Protein backbone atom coordinates (compact mmCIF):
# COMPACT_ATOMS: atom_id res chain seq x y z
CA UNK A 1 62.50 20.08 -34.56
CA UNK A 2 61.96 19.38 -30.88
CA UNK A 3 59.76 16.33 -31.35
CA UNK A 4 60.03 14.34 -34.58
CA UNK A 5 63.54 15.34 -35.61
CA UNK A 6 64.89 15.01 -32.10
CA UNK A 7 63.37 11.52 -31.84
CA UNK A 8 65.00 10.45 -35.11
CA UNK A 9 68.38 11.85 -34.12
CA UNK A 10 68.19 10.20 -30.71
CA UNK A 11 67.47 6.89 -32.46
CA UNK A 12 70.71 7.23 -34.41
CA UNK A 13 69.31 8.30 -37.78
CA UNK A 14 70.65 11.00 -40.07
CA UNK A 15 68.31 13.93 -40.64
CA UNK A 16 68.45 16.71 -43.23
CA UNK A 17 66.17 19.63 -42.44
CA UNK A 18 65.05 21.99 -45.22
CA UNK A 19 63.71 25.14 -43.57
CA UNK A 20 63.94 28.98 -43.63
CA UNK A 21 66.57 29.19 -40.89
CA UNK A 22 67.83 32.65 -41.87
CA UNK A 23 64.32 34.12 -42.17
CA UNK A 24 63.48 33.06 -38.61
CA UNK A 25 66.99 33.74 -37.25
CA UNK A 26 67.32 30.14 -36.06
CA UNK A 27 70.56 28.22 -35.62
CA UNK A 28 70.20 24.56 -36.66
CA UNK A 29 70.63 21.98 -33.91
CA UNK A 30 73.82 19.98 -33.52
CA UNK A 31 73.86 16.71 -35.44
CA UNK A 32 71.51 18.04 -38.10
CA UNK A 33 72.25 18.66 -41.78
CA UNK A 34 70.57 21.98 -42.55
CA UNK A 35 69.50 23.38 -45.92
CA UNK A 36 68.41 27.00 -45.74
CA UNK A 37 65.58 28.13 -48.01
CA UNK A 38 63.71 31.40 -48.45
CA UNK A 39 60.45 31.71 -46.51
CA UNK A 40 58.48 32.46 -49.69
CA UNK A 41 60.57 30.43 -52.13
CA UNK A 42 59.26 29.83 -55.64
CA UNK A 43 58.21 26.30 -56.50
CA UNK A 44 61.36 25.95 -58.59
CA UNK A 45 63.63 26.89 -55.70
CA UNK A 46 61.61 24.82 -53.25
CA UNK A 47 61.91 21.81 -55.54
CA UNK A 48 65.66 22.37 -55.87
CA UNK A 49 66.04 22.52 -52.07
CA UNK A 50 63.95 19.37 -51.61
CA UNK A 51 65.89 17.59 -54.35
CA UNK A 52 69.14 18.41 -52.60
CA UNK A 53 67.77 17.40 -49.20
CA UNK A 54 66.24 14.14 -50.42
CA UNK A 55 69.37 12.98 -52.22
CA UNK A 56 70.28 9.64 -50.68
CA UNK A 57 67.39 9.78 -48.20
CA UNK A 58 65.13 6.84 -47.37
CA UNK A 59 62.10 8.98 -46.53
CA UNK A 60 60.87 12.52 -47.20
CA UNK A 61 58.53 14.11 -44.63
CA UNK A 62 56.84 17.40 -45.53
CA UNK A 63 54.78 19.63 -43.23
CA UNK A 64 53.26 22.06 -45.73
CA UNK A 65 50.74 20.86 -48.31
CA UNK A 66 52.08 23.38 -50.83
CA UNK A 67 55.36 21.46 -50.92
CA UNK A 68 53.54 18.45 -52.36
CA UNK A 69 53.46 20.43 -55.62
CA UNK A 70 57.21 21.00 -55.46
CA UNK A 71 58.40 17.45 -54.87
CA UNK A 72 61.44 16.38 -56.89
CA UNK A 73 60.69 13.85 -59.62
CA UNK A 74 63.18 11.36 -58.26
CA UNK A 75 62.48 10.97 -54.58
CA UNK A 76 62.08 8.46 -51.76
CA UNK A 77 58.67 7.61 -50.26
CA UNK A 78 56.87 10.79 -49.19
CA UNK A 79 54.97 11.40 -45.95
CA UNK A 80 52.78 14.46 -45.46
CA UNK A 81 52.47 15.41 -41.80
CA UNK A 82 49.16 17.29 -41.55
CA UNK A 83 49.60 19.97 -38.91
CA UNK A 84 47.70 22.76 -40.62
CA UNK A 85 44.25 23.66 -41.85
CA UNK A 86 43.45 21.68 -45.00
CA UNK A 87 40.36 20.62 -46.89
CA UNK A 88 39.03 17.09 -47.06
CA UNK A 89 39.66 17.18 -50.82
CA UNK A 90 43.35 18.03 -50.30
CA UNK A 91 43.65 15.23 -47.76
CA UNK A 92 42.03 12.67 -50.03
CA UNK A 93 44.10 13.66 -53.07
CA UNK A 94 47.38 13.45 -51.16
CA UNK A 95 46.39 10.18 -49.50
CA UNK A 96 46.12 8.46 -52.89
CA UNK A 97 49.81 9.05 -53.61
CA UNK A 98 51.59 9.53 -50.28
CA UNK A 99 51.56 8.41 -46.70
CA UNK A 100 49.67 10.87 -44.50
CA UNK A 101 50.29 11.53 -40.81
CA UNK A 102 47.19 12.60 -38.92
CA UNK A 103 46.50 12.47 -35.17
CA UNK A 104 45.08 8.98 -35.73
CA UNK A 105 48.47 7.86 -37.04
CA UNK A 106 50.83 9.86 -34.83
CA UNK A 107 49.01 11.41 -31.85
CA UNK A 108 49.13 15.14 -31.28
CA UNK A 109 51.59 15.69 -28.47
CA UNK A 110 53.55 18.39 -26.69
CA UNK A 111 56.41 18.76 -24.24
CA UNK A 112 54.82 18.76 -20.80
CA UNK A 113 56.62 20.35 -17.88
CA UNK A 114 55.73 21.47 -14.33
CA UNK A 115 54.08 24.85 -14.70
CA UNK A 116 52.96 27.69 -12.42
CA UNK A 117 49.20 28.08 -11.94
CA UNK A 118 47.49 30.39 -14.44
CA UNK A 119 47.60 34.09 -13.57
CA UNK A 120 45.15 36.89 -14.34
CA UNK A 121 46.98 39.70 -16.18
CA UNK A 122 47.43 38.36 -19.72
CA UNK A 123 46.11 35.88 -22.25
CA UNK A 124 48.27 34.27 -24.91
CA UNK A 125 47.99 32.98 -28.46
CA UNK A 126 50.67 30.60 -29.79
CA UNK A 127 51.27 29.82 -33.44
CA UNK A 128 50.93 31.29 -36.89
CA UNK A 129 48.64 34.28 -37.26
CA UNK A 130 46.30 34.73 -40.22
CA UNK A 131 42.80 35.88 -41.05
CA UNK A 132 41.59 32.26 -40.91
CA UNK A 133 43.08 31.93 -37.44
CA UNK A 134 41.18 34.87 -36.03
CA UNK A 135 43.59 37.82 -36.29
CA UNK A 136 40.78 40.35 -36.66
CA UNK A 137 39.03 38.93 -33.61
CA UNK A 138 42.29 38.82 -31.64
CA UNK A 139 42.94 42.51 -32.26
CA UNK A 140 39.35 43.36 -31.36
CA UNK A 141 39.69 41.31 -28.19
CA UNK A 142 42.93 43.07 -27.23
CA UNK A 143 41.20 46.44 -27.45
CA UNK A 144 38.34 45.25 -25.25
CA UNK A 145 40.72 43.74 -22.67
CA UNK A 146 42.70 46.92 -22.01
CA UNK A 147 40.13 48.49 -19.61
CA UNK A 148 40.23 45.27 -17.57
CA UNK A 149 43.99 45.37 -17.10
CA UNK A 150 44.59 42.26 -19.24
CA UNK A 151 47.24 42.10 -21.97
CA UNK A 152 47.22 39.94 -25.07
CA UNK A 153 50.49 38.23 -26.05
CA UNK A 154 50.73 36.96 -29.63
CA UNK A 155 53.65 34.58 -30.16
CA UNK A 156 54.09 33.44 -33.74
CA UNK A 157 54.82 34.44 -37.31
CA UNK A 158 52.08 36.17 -39.27
CA UNK A 159 50.77 35.99 -42.81
CA UNK A 160 51.92 38.91 -44.92
CA UNK A 161 48.45 40.42 -45.32
CA UNK A 162 47.81 40.76 -41.57
CA UNK A 163 51.22 42.06 -40.47
CA UNK A 164 50.28 45.76 -40.90
CA UNK A 165 47.23 45.22 -38.67
CA UNK A 166 49.36 43.62 -35.98
CA UNK A 167 52.05 46.31 -36.15
CA UNK A 168 49.46 49.05 -35.86
CA UNK A 169 47.82 47.36 -32.87
CA UNK A 170 51.17 46.96 -31.15
CA UNK A 171 52.17 50.54 -31.94
CA UNK A 172 49.14 51.93 -30.10
CA UNK A 173 49.70 49.62 -27.14
CA UNK A 174 46.81 47.19 -27.59
CA UNK A 175 48.90 44.01 -27.55
CA UNK A 176 52.39 42.55 -27.70
CA UNK A 177 53.29 40.69 -30.89
CA UNK A 178 56.58 38.82 -30.53
CA UNK A 179 56.74 37.31 -34.01
CA UNK A 180 58.30 33.91 -34.53
CA UNK A 181 59.77 32.36 -31.39
CA UNK A 182 61.29 28.83 -31.29
CA UNK A 183 58.79 26.41 -29.80
CA UNK A 184 60.61 25.63 -26.58
CA UNK A 185 60.97 29.34 -25.78
CA UNK A 186 57.39 30.12 -26.82
CA UNK A 187 56.09 27.50 -24.39
CA UNK A 188 58.03 29.09 -21.53
CA UNK A 189 56.68 32.51 -22.48
CA UNK A 190 53.12 31.17 -22.32
CA UNK A 191 53.45 29.87 -18.78
CA UNK A 192 51.45 31.67 -16.12
CA UNK A 193 48.94 33.24 -18.53
CA UNK A 194 45.25 33.50 -17.67
CA UNK A 195 44.30 31.40 -20.71
CA UNK A 196 45.52 30.16 -24.08
CA UNK A 197 43.51 31.11 -27.17
CA UNK A 198 42.75 29.00 -30.24
CA UNK A 199 40.45 31.01 -32.48
CA UNK A 200 40.37 29.27 -35.85
CA UNK A 201 37.40 29.20 -38.19
CA UNK A 202 35.53 25.93 -38.58
CA UNK A 203 36.10 25.20 -42.25
CA UNK A 204 38.66 22.45 -41.90
CA UNK A 205 41.31 21.04 -40.11
CA UNK A 206 43.14 18.98 -37.67
CA UNK A 207 43.01 19.69 -33.97
CA UNK A 208 45.19 22.77 -33.35
CA UNK A 209 48.49 21.69 -31.80
CA UNK A 210 48.48 24.84 -29.70
CA UNK A 211 45.69 23.36 -27.57
CA UNK A 212 48.06 20.57 -26.52
CA UNK A 213 50.72 23.16 -25.80
CA UNK A 214 48.40 25.13 -23.53
CA UNK A 215 47.40 21.96 -21.68
CA UNK A 216 51.03 20.99 -21.25
CA UNK A 217 51.70 24.34 -19.60
CA UNK A 218 48.67 24.22 -17.30
CA UNK A 219 46.68 26.95 -19.08
CA UNK A 220 42.88 26.97 -19.38
CA UNK A 221 41.95 26.84 -23.08
CA UNK A 222 39.52 29.14 -24.85
CA UNK A 223 38.78 27.64 -28.25
CA UNK A 224 36.35 27.86 -31.14
CA UNK A 225 34.46 24.64 -32.04
CA UNK A 226 37.44 23.27 -33.97
CA UNK A 227 38.99 22.26 -30.65
CA UNK A 228 35.79 21.36 -28.86
CA UNK A 229 36.21 17.57 -28.91
CA UNK A 230 39.35 17.66 -26.82
CA UNK A 231 38.59 20.63 -24.58
CA UNK A 232 35.10 19.48 -23.65
CA UNK A 233 36.18 15.88 -23.28
CA UNK A 234 38.96 16.74 -20.86
CA UNK A 235 37.22 19.64 -19.17
CA UNK A 236 40.21 21.92 -19.58
CA UNK A 237 38.62 25.03 -21.02
CA UNK A 238 35.77 26.87 -22.70
CA UNK A 239 34.34 26.54 -26.22
CA UNK A 240 33.07 29.77 -27.81
CA UNK A 241 32.07 30.96 -31.29
CA UNK A 242 34.53 33.05 -33.29
CA UNK A 243 33.11 36.25 -31.83
CA UNK A 244 34.87 38.99 -29.85
CA UNK A 245 32.11 39.37 -27.26
CA UNK A 246 32.01 35.63 -26.59
CA UNK A 247 35.78 35.37 -26.18
CA UNK A 248 35.88 38.49 -23.98
CA UNK A 249 33.21 37.10 -21.67
CA UNK A 250 35.08 33.80 -21.39
CA UNK A 251 38.30 35.61 -20.45
CA UNK A 252 36.59 37.81 -17.86
CA UNK A 253 34.78 34.83 -16.34
CA UNK A 254 38.09 33.04 -15.87
CA UNK A 255 39.68 36.16 -14.42
CA UNK A 256 36.97 36.45 -11.78
CA UNK A 257 36.78 32.75 -10.89
CA UNK A 258 40.23 31.83 -9.62
CA UNK A 259 39.24 28.36 -8.45
CA UNK A 260 37.78 27.47 -11.85
CA UNK A 261 40.79 28.88 -13.66
CA UNK A 262 43.19 26.77 -11.61
CA UNK A 263 40.99 23.66 -11.91
CA UNK A 264 40.75 23.86 -15.71
CA UNK A 265 44.48 24.39 -16.03
CA UNK A 266 45.26 21.48 -13.72
CA UNK A 267 42.88 19.12 -15.54
CA UNK A 268 44.45 19.95 -18.87
CA UNK A 269 47.96 19.54 -17.49
CA UNK A 270 47.14 16.12 -15.99
CA UNK A 271 45.62 14.90 -19.26
CA UNK A 272 48.57 16.18 -21.28
CA UNK A 273 51.02 14.37 -19.02
CA UNK A 274 49.07 11.12 -19.20
CA UNK A 275 48.29 11.01 -22.92
CA UNK A 276 50.01 13.77 -24.88
CA UNK A 277 53.60 13.96 -23.62
CA UNK A 278 55.76 13.63 -26.75
CA UNK A 279 58.55 11.47 -25.22
CA UNK A 280 55.91 8.79 -24.58
CA UNK A 281 55.10 8.67 -28.33
CA UNK A 282 58.55 9.27 -29.82
CA UNK A 283 59.61 5.63 -30.18
CA UNK A 284 56.37 4.64 -31.92
CA UNK A 285 56.85 7.52 -34.38
CA UNK A 286 60.40 6.39 -35.15
CA UNK A 287 59.29 2.78 -35.71
CA UNK A 288 56.56 3.93 -38.09
CA UNK A 289 58.98 6.12 -40.04
CA UNK A 290 61.37 3.18 -40.32
CA UNK A 291 58.59 0.91 -41.59
CA UNK A 292 57.52 3.44 -44.23
CA UNK A 293 61.10 3.77 -45.41
CA UNK A 294 61.63 0.02 -45.37
CA UNK A 295 64.79 0.28 -43.32
CA UNK A 296 65.96 -0.74 -39.88
CA UNK A 297 67.17 1.25 -36.92
CA UNK A 298 70.32 3.33 -37.65
CA UNK A 299 69.82 3.08 -41.43
CA UNK A 300 67.20 5.77 -42.00
CA UNK A 301 68.07 9.08 -43.65
CA UNK A 302 65.25 11.67 -43.70
């Protein structure tokens, strides 16, 4: 919403957004045609919503690989924007029939702003929560952090099967789980944390977007090997295995070493501003979308 759609709207294009607005209690932005859909819609209802949204459109961009199975039969060219954990097989299968956006096509980017230096009383995790994204380890970490006076903030929606675990952990005071928060507000909430966590398993995937978000807010990053290429290359954080003890030690080391904490955050923020600030990439994204749709500026409907 705040990157791709905003860029298309600013370029004068019409955009229809099919999303679970009611489920997340989100009001669609001005200038946007919104189609509300249930968060766990059946394939039939998802296909009906996509059919309605794609009517008269020049391009259809989807962000969830499951929607590729619910595409309407009569549709414009389809682009799958890969911003989630997927297998190489899924990527190859989709690439034979549709355009695919990966970081090599449209760079991962965030909204970079001046940020306060990282503090020492809380760590934060942005984004969807699931077993594959380290929920068990996050809860275990929260329990181990309490004696050190450090809180864990979890900002993001959660998979159905892990919600009871998160509610129980919050009920006994181990952590704060805020649920879904619109991206621009979530980024502000993350500012000033000791570190940003990215604890995904190593089975697949694209580089977690949350790492860019942490960098853009001046936070040191603690990541599992999935994010190692960026974090080690920039020198903006620590790479650890998906293990509670390893993550705990990384957090405590950053808490004790103020100079290192500030340096890592500053290096990440500088790199994000130079290479990963979305406004610097927005025009190139719009031009590529226009080329895929075979239309010119002001004629594209998505």
